[in-house]
Full PDB file with SEQRES, HELIX, SHEET, SSBOND, CRYST1, ORIGX, SCALE, CONECT and MASTER records, all heavy atoms in Angstrom:
SEQRES   1 A   31  ASP GLY LEU TYR HIS PHE THR GLU GLY GLU SER HIS ILE          
SEQRES   2 A   31  ASP LEU LEU LEU SER GLY MET ASP LYS LEU LEU THR SER          
SEQRES   3 A   31  PRO ALA VAL LEU VAL                                          
HELIX    1 AA1 MET A   20  LYS A   22  5                                   3    
SHEET    1 AA1 2 GLY A   2  GLU A   8  0                                        
SHEET    2 AA1 2 SER A  11  LEU A  17 -1                                        
CRYST1    1.000    1.000    1.000  90.00  90.00  90.00 P 1           1          
ORIGX1      1.000000  0.000000  0.000000        0.00000                         
ORIGX2      0.000000  1.000000  0.000000        0.00000                         
ORIGX3      0.000000  0.000000  1.000000        0.00000                         
SCALE1      1.000000  0.000000  0.000000        0.00000                         
SCALE2      0.000000  1.000000  0.000000        0.00000                         
SCALE3      0.000000  0.000000  1.000000        0.00000                         
ATOM      1  N   ASP A   1       0.862  -1.158   0.058  1.00  0.00           N  
ATOM      2  CA  ASP A   1       0.023  -0.034   0.014  1.00  0.00           C  
ATOM      3  C   ASP A   1       0.887   1.223  -0.017  1.00  0.00           C  
ATOM      4  O   ASP A   1       1.878   1.323   0.694  1.00  0.00           O  
ATOM      5  CB  ASP A   1      -0.850   0.026   1.212  1.00  0.00           C  
ATOM      6  CG  ASP A   1      -1.981  -1.061   1.151  1.00  0.00           C  
ATOM      7  OD1 ASP A   1      -1.999  -1.882   0.197  1.00  0.00           O  
ATOM      8  OD2 ASP A   1      -2.755  -1.110   2.154  1.00  0.00           O  
ATOM      9  N   GLY A   2       0.448   2.280  -0.772  1.00  0.00           N  
ATOM     10  CA  GLY A   2       1.136   3.485  -0.782  1.00  0.00           C  
ATOM     11  C   GLY A   2       0.895   4.259  -2.033  1.00  0.00           C  
ATOM     12  O   GLY A   2       0.203   3.808  -2.985  1.00  0.00           O  
ATOM     13  N   LEU A   3       1.531   5.448  -2.165  1.00  0.00           N  
ATOM     14  CA  LEU A   3       1.385   6.339  -3.401  1.00  0.00           C  
ATOM     15  C   LEU A   3       2.601   6.026  -4.203  1.00  0.00           C  
ATOM     16  O   LEU A   3       3.727   6.343  -3.794  1.00  0.00           O  
ATOM     17  CB  LEU A   3       1.305   7.742  -2.897  1.00  0.00           C  
ATOM     18  CG  LEU A   3       0.689   8.738  -3.949  1.00  0.00           C  
ATOM     19  CD1 LEU A   3       0.314  10.034  -3.217  1.00  0.00           C  
ATOM     20  CD2 LEU A   3       1.750   9.077  -5.042  1.00  0.00           C  
ATOM     21  N   TYR A   4       2.400   5.570  -5.430  1.00  0.00           N  
ATOM     22  CA  TYR A   4       3.493   5.401  -6.362  1.00  0.00           C  
ATOM     23  C   TYR A   4       3.499   6.588  -7.378  1.00  0.00           C  
ATOM     24  O   TYR A   4       2.635   6.810  -8.071  1.00  0.00           O  
ATOM     25  CB  TYR A   4       3.253   4.002  -7.141  1.00  0.00           C  
ATOM     26  CG  TYR A   4       3.542   2.862  -6.308  1.00  0.00           C  
ATOM     27  CD1 TYR A   4       2.619   2.437  -5.324  1.00  0.00           C  
ATOM     28  CD2 TYR A   4       4.682   2.084  -6.481  1.00  0.00           C  
ATOM     29  CE1 TYR A   4       2.810   1.286  -4.481  1.00  0.00           C  
ATOM     30  CE2 TYR A   4       4.871   0.900  -5.662  1.00  0.00           C  
ATOM     31  CZ  TYR A   4       3.985   0.574  -4.700  1.00  0.00           C  
ATOM     32  OH  TYR A   4       4.177  -0.525  -3.932  1.00  0.00           O  
ATOM     33  N   HIS A   5       4.704   7.240  -7.273  1.00  0.00           N  
ATOM     34  CA  HIS A   5       4.878   8.540  -8.057  1.00  0.00           C  
ATOM     35  C   HIS A   5       5.842   8.187  -9.224  1.00  0.00           C  
ATOM     36  O   HIS A   5       7.108   8.138  -8.922  1.00  0.00           O  
ATOM     37  CB  HIS A   5       5.473   9.576  -7.082  1.00  0.00           C  
ATOM     38  CG  HIS A   5       5.690  10.852  -7.690  1.00  0.00           C  
ATOM     39  ND1 HIS A   5       4.842  11.698  -8.308  1.00  0.00           N  
ATOM     40  CD2 HIS A   5       6.921  11.540  -7.886  1.00  0.00           C  
ATOM     41  CE1 HIS A   5       5.395  12.812  -8.751  1.00  0.00           C  
ATOM     42  NE2 HIS A   5       6.642  12.725  -8.494  1.00  0.00           N  
ATOM     43  N   PHE A   6       5.322   8.103 -10.422  1.00  0.00           N  
ATOM     44  CA  PHE A   6       6.223   7.817 -11.594  1.00  0.00           C  
ATOM     45  C   PHE A   6       6.512   9.165 -12.230  1.00  0.00           C  
ATOM     46  O   PHE A   6       5.614   9.938 -12.551  1.00  0.00           O  
ATOM     47  CB  PHE A   6       5.416   6.893 -12.529  1.00  0.00           C  
ATOM     48  CG  PHE A   6       5.112   5.541 -12.040  1.00  0.00           C  
ATOM     49  CD1 PHE A   6       3.884   5.334 -11.267  1.00  0.00           C  
ATOM     50  CD2 PHE A   6       5.989   4.507 -12.104  1.00  0.00           C  
ATOM     51  CE1 PHE A   6       3.642   3.973 -10.797  1.00  0.00           C  
ATOM     52  CE2 PHE A   6       5.745   3.258 -11.613  1.00  0.00           C  
ATOM     53  CZ  PHE A   6       4.568   3.023 -10.967  1.00  0.00           C  
ATOM     54  N   THR A   7       7.789   9.360 -12.594  1.00  0.00           N  
ATOM     55  CA  THR A   7       8.186  10.603 -13.260  1.00  0.00           C  
ATOM     56  C   THR A   7       8.981  10.241 -14.507  1.00  0.00           C  
ATOM     57  O   THR A   7       9.644   9.299 -14.639  1.00  0.00           O  
ATOM     58  CB  THR A   7       9.070  11.433 -12.315  1.00  0.00           C  
ATOM     59  OG1 THR A   7      10.199  10.712 -11.922  1.00  0.00           O  
ATOM     60  CG2 THR A   7       8.267  11.901 -11.100  1.00  0.00           C  
ATOM     61  N   GLU A   8       8.824  11.276 -15.447  1.00  0.00           N  
ATOM     62  CA  GLU A   8       9.644  11.249 -16.673  1.00  0.00           C  
ATOM     63  C   GLU A   8       9.905  12.718 -17.131  1.00  0.00           C  
ATOM     64  O   GLU A   8       8.861  13.346 -17.529  1.00  0.00           O  
ATOM     65  CB  GLU A   8       8.937  10.458 -17.819  1.00  0.00           C  
ATOM     66  CG  GLU A   8       9.792  10.355 -19.081  1.00  0.00           C  
ATOM     67  CD  GLU A   8       9.067   9.461 -20.068  1.00  0.00           C  
ATOM     68  OE1 GLU A   8       8.189   9.936 -20.807  1.00  0.00           O  
ATOM     69  OE2 GLU A   8       9.406   8.219 -20.104  1.00  0.00           O  
ATOM     70  N   GLY A   9      11.029  13.273 -16.834  1.00  0.00           N  
ATOM     71  CA  GLY A   9      11.230  14.647 -17.083  1.00  0.00           C  
ATOM     72  C   GLY A   9      10.437  15.408 -16.127  1.00  0.00           C  
ATOM     73  O   GLY A   9      10.411  15.202 -14.885  1.00  0.00           O  
ATOM     74  N   GLU A  10       9.635  16.380 -16.665  1.00  0.00           N  
ATOM     75  CA  GLU A  10       8.744  17.161 -15.752  1.00  0.00           C  
ATOM     76  C   GLU A  10       7.361  16.641 -15.691  1.00  0.00           C  
ATOM     77  O   GLU A  10       6.498  17.118 -15.087  1.00  0.00           O  
ATOM     78  CB  GLU A  10       8.669  18.613 -16.264  1.00  0.00           C  
ATOM     79  CG  GLU A  10       9.972  19.363 -16.272  1.00  0.00           C  
ATOM     80  CD  GLU A  10       9.931  20.776 -16.680  1.00  0.00           C  
ATOM     81  OE1 GLU A  10       8.719  21.148 -17.002  1.00  0.00           O  
ATOM     82  OE2 GLU A  10      10.921  21.490 -16.657  1.00  0.00           O  
ATOM     83  N   SER A  11       7.069  15.415 -16.286  1.00  0.00           N  
ATOM     84  CA  SER A  11       5.801  14.835 -16.290  1.00  0.00           C  
ATOM     85  C   SER A  11       5.712  13.756 -15.197  1.00  0.00           C  
ATOM     86  O   SER A  11       6.701  13.130 -14.798  1.00  0.00           O  
ATOM     87  CB  SER A  11       5.449  14.211 -17.613  1.00  0.00           C  
ATOM     88  OG  SER A  11       5.382  15.219 -18.558  1.00  0.00           O  
ATOM     89  N   HIS A  12       4.486  13.451 -14.638  1.00  0.00           N  
ATOM     90  CA  HIS A  12       4.369  12.497 -13.665  1.00  0.00           C  
ATOM     91  C   HIS A  12       2.991  11.701 -13.863  1.00  0.00           C  
ATOM     92  O   HIS A  12       2.065  12.185 -14.505  1.00  0.00           O  
ATOM     93  CB  HIS A  12       4.400  13.049 -12.335  1.00  0.00           C  
ATOM     94  CG  HIS A  12       3.239  13.982 -11.968  1.00  0.00           C  
ATOM     95  ND1 HIS A  12       3.176  15.380 -12.266  1.00  0.00           N  
ATOM     96  CD2 HIS A  12       2.009  13.733 -11.537  1.00  0.00           C  
ATOM     97  CE1 HIS A  12       2.084  15.890 -11.923  1.00  0.00           C  
ATOM     98  NE2 HIS A  12       1.288  14.892 -11.602  1.00  0.00           N  
ATOM     99  N   ILE A  13       2.938  10.541 -13.242  1.00  0.00           N  
ATOM    100  CA  ILE A  13       1.640   9.721 -13.079  1.00  0.00           C  
ATOM    101  C   ILE A  13       1.631   9.232 -11.671  1.00  0.00           C  
ATOM    102  O   ILE A  13       2.641   8.670 -11.191  1.00  0.00           O  
ATOM    103  CB  ILE A  13       1.526   8.596 -14.079  1.00  0.00           C  
ATOM    104  CG1 ILE A  13       1.556   9.039 -15.472  1.00  0.00           C  
ATOM    105  CG2 ILE A  13       0.289   7.777 -13.831  1.00  0.00           C  
ATOM    106  CD1 ILE A  13       1.652   7.939 -16.542  1.00  0.00           C  
ATOM    107  N   ASP A  14       0.510   9.465 -10.933  1.00  0.00           N  
ATOM    108  CA  ASP A  14       0.385   8.976  -9.591  1.00  0.00           C  
ATOM    109  C   ASP A  14      -0.649   7.915  -9.449  1.00  0.00           C  
ATOM    110  O   ASP A  14      -1.755   8.092  -9.896  1.00  0.00           O  
ATOM    111  CB  ASP A  14       0.044  10.130  -8.612  1.00  0.00           C  
ATOM    112  CG  ASP A  14       1.150  11.177  -8.577  1.00  0.00           C  
ATOM    113  OD1 ASP A  14       2.331  10.807  -8.372  1.00  0.00           O  
ATOM    114  OD2 ASP A  14       0.886  12.412  -8.722  1.00  0.00           O  
ATOM    115  N   LEU A  15      -0.253   6.892  -8.788  1.00  0.00           N  
ATOM    116  CA  LEU A  15      -1.183   5.746  -8.499  1.00  0.00           C  
ATOM    117  C   LEU A  15      -1.240   5.496  -7.027  1.00  0.00           C  
ATOM    118  O   LEU A  15      -0.159   5.330  -6.434  1.00  0.00           O  
ATOM    119  CB  LEU A  15      -0.772   4.457  -9.299  1.00  0.00           C  
ATOM    120  CG  LEU A  15      -0.563   4.571 -10.856  1.00  0.00           C  
ATOM    121  CD1 LEU A  15      -0.175   3.241 -11.342  1.00  0.00           C  
ATOM    122  CD2 LEU A  15      -1.795   4.974 -11.498  1.00  0.00           C  
ATOM    123  N   LEU A  16      -2.413   5.318  -6.517  1.00  0.00           N  
ATOM    124  CA  LEU A  16      -2.554   5.008  -5.045  1.00  0.00           C  
ATOM    125  C   LEU A  16      -2.984   3.569  -4.974  1.00  0.00           C  
ATOM    126  O   LEU A  16      -3.992   3.136  -5.394  1.00  0.00           O  
ATOM    127  CB  LEU A  16      -3.554   5.871  -4.447  1.00  0.00           C  
ATOM    128  CG  LEU A  16      -3.730   5.691  -2.889  1.00  0.00           C  
ATOM    129  CD1 LEU A  16      -2.468   6.123  -2.158  1.00  0.00           C  
ATOM    130  CD2 LEU A  16      -4.911   6.588  -2.350  1.00  0.00           C  
ATOM    131  N   LEU A  17      -2.100   2.718  -4.258  1.00  0.00           N  
ATOM    132  CA  LEU A  17      -2.404   1.351  -4.100  1.00  0.00           C  
ATOM    133  C   LEU A  17      -2.932   1.077  -2.684  1.00  0.00           C  
ATOM    134  O   LEU A  17      -2.326   1.601  -1.679  1.00  0.00           O  
ATOM    135  CB  LEU A  17      -1.203   0.443  -4.377  1.00  0.00           C  
ATOM    136  CG  LEU A  17      -0.957  -0.038  -5.752  1.00  0.00           C  
ATOM    137  CD1 LEU A  17      -0.841   1.183  -6.759  1.00  0.00           C  
ATOM    138  CD2 LEU A  17       0.302  -0.943  -5.858  1.00  0.00           C  
ATOM    139  N   SER A  18      -3.961   0.304  -2.551  1.00  0.00           N  
ATOM    140  CA  SER A  18      -4.538   0.051  -1.230  1.00  0.00           C  
ATOM    141  C   SER A  18      -5.124  -1.429  -1.238  1.00  0.00           C  
ATOM    142  O   SER A  18      -5.552  -1.889  -2.268  1.00  0.00           O  
ATOM    143  CB  SER A  18      -5.693   1.013  -0.966  1.00  0.00           C  
ATOM    144  OG  SER A  18      -6.159   0.801   0.394  1.00  0.00           O  
ATOM    145  N   GLY A  19      -5.006  -2.011  -0.103  1.00  0.00           N  
ATOM    146  CA  GLY A  19      -5.536  -3.426   0.070  1.00  0.00           C  
ATOM    147  C   GLY A  19      -4.577  -4.389  -0.603  1.00  0.00           C  
ATOM    148  O   GLY A  19      -5.098  -5.585  -0.994  1.00  0.00           O  
ATOM    149  N   MET A  20      -3.301  -4.120  -0.727  1.00  0.00           N  
ATOM    150  CA  MET A  20      -2.351  -5.079  -1.482  1.00  0.00           C  
ATOM    151  C   MET A  20      -2.157  -6.302  -0.687  1.00  0.00           C  
ATOM    152  O   MET A  20      -1.689  -7.351  -1.218  1.00  0.00           O  
ATOM    153  CB  MET A  20      -1.094  -4.361  -1.795  1.00  0.00           C  
ATOM    154  CG  MET A  20      -1.105  -3.344  -2.831  1.00  0.00           C  
ATOM    155  SD  MET A  20      -1.640  -3.929  -4.442  1.00  0.00           S  
ATOM    156  CE  MET A  20      -3.272  -3.154  -4.692  1.00  0.00           C  
ATOM    157  N   ASP A  21      -2.519  -6.389   0.620  1.00  0.00           N  
ATOM    158  CA  ASP A  21      -2.302  -7.636   1.406  1.00  0.00           C  
ATOM    159  C   ASP A  21      -3.418  -8.696   1.001  1.00  0.00           C  
ATOM    160  O   ASP A  21      -3.377  -9.791   1.406  1.00  0.00           O  
ATOM    161  CB  ASP A  21      -2.567  -7.195   2.877  1.00  0.00           C  
ATOM    162  CG  ASP A  21      -3.887  -6.562   3.210  1.00  0.00           C  
ATOM    163  OD1 ASP A  21      -4.280  -5.716   2.450  1.00  0.00           O  
ATOM    164  OD2 ASP A  21      -4.417  -6.827   4.253  1.00  0.00           O  
ATOM    165  N   LYS A  22      -4.425  -8.219   0.212  1.00  0.00           N  
ATOM    166  CA  LYS A  22      -5.425  -9.128  -0.266  1.00  0.00           C  
ATOM    167  C   LYS A  22      -5.219  -9.524  -1.706  1.00  0.00           C  
ATOM    168  O   LYS A  22      -5.993 -10.202  -2.386  1.00  0.00           O  
ATOM    169  CB  LYS A  22      -6.835  -8.532  -0.174  1.00  0.00           C  
ATOM    170  CG  LYS A  22      -7.201  -7.952   1.151  1.00  0.00           C  
ATOM    171  CD  LYS A  22      -8.457  -7.269   1.269  1.00  0.00           C  
ATOM    172  CE  LYS A  22      -8.931  -6.721   2.574  1.00  0.00           C  
ATOM    173  NZ  LYS A  22      -8.019  -5.663   3.001  1.00  0.00           N  
ATOM    174  N   LEU A  23      -4.049  -9.191  -2.263  1.00  0.00           N  
ATOM    175  CA  LEU A  23      -3.702  -9.401  -3.670  1.00  0.00           C  
ATOM    176  C   LEU A  23      -3.794 -10.927  -4.046  1.00  0.00           C  
ATOM    177  O   LEU A  23      -4.265 -11.256  -5.105  1.00  0.00           O  
ATOM    178  CB  LEU A  23      -2.358  -8.893  -4.027  1.00  0.00           C  
ATOM    179  CG  LEU A  23      -1.966  -8.729  -5.487  1.00  0.00           C  
ATOM    180  CD1 LEU A  23      -2.970  -7.853  -6.193  1.00  0.00           C  
ATOM    181  CD2 LEU A  23      -0.591  -8.065  -5.567  1.00  0.00           C  
ATOM    182  N   LEU A  24      -3.335 -11.779  -3.186  1.00  0.00           N  
ATOM    183  CA  LEU A  24      -3.270 -13.234  -3.469  1.00  0.00           C  
ATOM    184  C   LEU A  24      -4.643 -13.857  -3.287  1.00  0.00           C  
ATOM    185  O   LEU A  24      -4.840 -14.976  -3.816  1.00  0.00           O  
ATOM    186  CB  LEU A  24      -2.231 -13.921  -2.639  1.00  0.00           C  
ATOM    187  CG  LEU A  24      -0.817 -13.367  -2.879  1.00  0.00           C  
ATOM    188  CD1 LEU A  24       0.203 -14.148  -1.970  1.00  0.00           C  
ATOM    189  CD2 LEU A  24      -0.308 -13.633  -4.254  1.00  0.00           C  
ATOM    190  N   THR A  25      -5.444 -13.201  -2.523  1.00  0.00           N  
ATOM    191  CA  THR A  25      -6.800 -13.936  -2.225  1.00  0.00           C  
ATOM    192  C   THR A  25      -7.945 -13.370  -2.957  1.00  0.00           C  
ATOM    193  O   THR A  25      -9.004 -14.071  -3.049  1.00  0.00           O  
ATOM    194  CB  THR A  25      -7.071 -13.939  -0.718  1.00  0.00           C  
ATOM    195  OG1 THR A  25      -7.052 -12.597  -0.297  1.00  0.00           O  
ATOM    196  CG2 THR A  25      -5.988 -14.691   0.085  1.00  0.00           C  
ATOM    197  N   SER A  26      -7.845 -12.073  -3.435  1.00  0.00           N  
ATOM    198  CA  SER A  26      -8.970 -11.491  -4.113  1.00  0.00           C  
ATOM    199  C   SER A  26      -9.018 -11.973  -5.504  1.00  0.00           C  
ATOM    200  O   SER A  26      -7.982 -12.146  -6.219  1.00  0.00           O  
ATOM    201  CB  SER A  26      -8.792  -9.987  -4.044  1.00  0.00           C  
ATOM    202  OG  SER A  26      -9.888  -9.326  -4.737  1.00  0.00           O  
ATOM    203  N   PRO A  27     -10.269 -12.188  -6.087  1.00  0.00           N  
ATOM    204  CA  PRO A  27     -10.502 -12.584  -7.433  1.00  0.00           C  
ATOM    205  C   PRO A  27     -10.066 -11.545  -8.463  1.00  0.00           C  
ATOM    206  O   PRO A  27      -9.852 -11.806  -9.697  1.00  0.00           O  
ATOM    207  CB  PRO A  27     -11.900 -12.976  -7.542  1.00  0.00           C  
ATOM    208  CG  PRO A  27     -12.551 -12.134  -6.476  1.00  0.00           C  
ATOM    209  CD  PRO A  27     -11.584 -12.142  -5.391  1.00  0.00           C  
ATOM    210  N   ALA A  28     -10.021 -10.255  -8.035  1.00  0.00           N  
ATOM    211  CA  ALA A  28      -9.679  -9.197  -9.025  1.00  0.00           C  
ATOM    212  C   ALA A  28      -9.170  -7.966  -8.240  1.00  0.00           C  
ATOM    213  O   ALA A  28      -9.363  -7.866  -6.986  1.00  0.00           O  
ATOM    214  CB  ALA A  28     -10.908  -8.843  -9.828  1.00  0.00           C  
ATOM    215  N   VAL A  29      -8.526  -7.099  -8.938  1.00  0.00           N  
ATOM    216  CA  VAL A  29      -8.065  -5.792  -8.458  1.00  0.00           C  
ATOM    217  C   VAL A  29      -8.920  -4.709  -9.119  1.00  0.00           C  
ATOM    218  O   VAL A  29      -9.016  -4.704 -10.323  1.00  0.00           O  
ATOM    219  CB  VAL A  29      -6.642  -5.508  -8.701  1.00  0.00           C  
ATOM    220  CG1 VAL A  29      -6.150  -4.146  -8.305  1.00  0.00           C  
ATOM    221  CG2 VAL A  29      -5.758  -6.571  -8.015  1.00  0.00           C  
ATOM    222  N   LEU A  30      -9.506  -3.887  -8.340  1.00  0.00           N  
ATOM    223  CA  LEU A  30     -10.206  -2.715  -9.003  1.00  0.00           C  
ATOM    224  C   LEU A  30      -9.250  -1.640  -9.355  1.00  0.00           C  
ATOM    225  O   LEU A  30      -8.218  -1.412  -8.735  1.00  0.00           O  
ATOM    226  CB  LEU A  30     -11.119  -2.164  -7.908  1.00  0.00           C  
ATOM    227  CG  LEU A  30     -12.214  -3.115  -7.171  1.00  0.00           C  
ATOM    228  CD1 LEU A  30     -13.146  -2.307  -6.216  1.00  0.00           C  
ATOM    229  CD2 LEU A  30     -13.003  -3.873  -8.334  1.00  0.00           C  
ATOM    230  N   VAL A  31      -9.547  -0.990 -10.529  1.00  0.00           N  
ATOM    231  CA  VAL A  31      -8.792   0.124 -11.016  1.00  0.00           C  
ATOM    232  C   VAL A  31      -9.711   1.259 -11.208  1.00  0.00           C  
ATOM    233  O   VAL A  31     -10.700   1.244 -12.017  1.00  0.00           O  
ATOM    234  CB  VAL A  31      -8.052  -0.245 -12.321  1.00  0.00           C  
ATOM    235  CG1 VAL A  31      -7.268   1.002 -12.868  1.00  0.00           C  
ATOM    236  CG2 VAL A  31      -7.122  -1.429 -12.152  1.00  0.00           C  
TER     237      VAL A  31                                                      
MASTER        0    0    0    1    2    0    0    6  236    1    0    3          
END                                                                             
């Protein structure tokens, strides 16, 4: 879980991951 901050030059993309402890047991990941 956490905020993943991807950068390239002056551009960025931010993704917030939550509930990753359920990754192996959940049938799907919501986006």
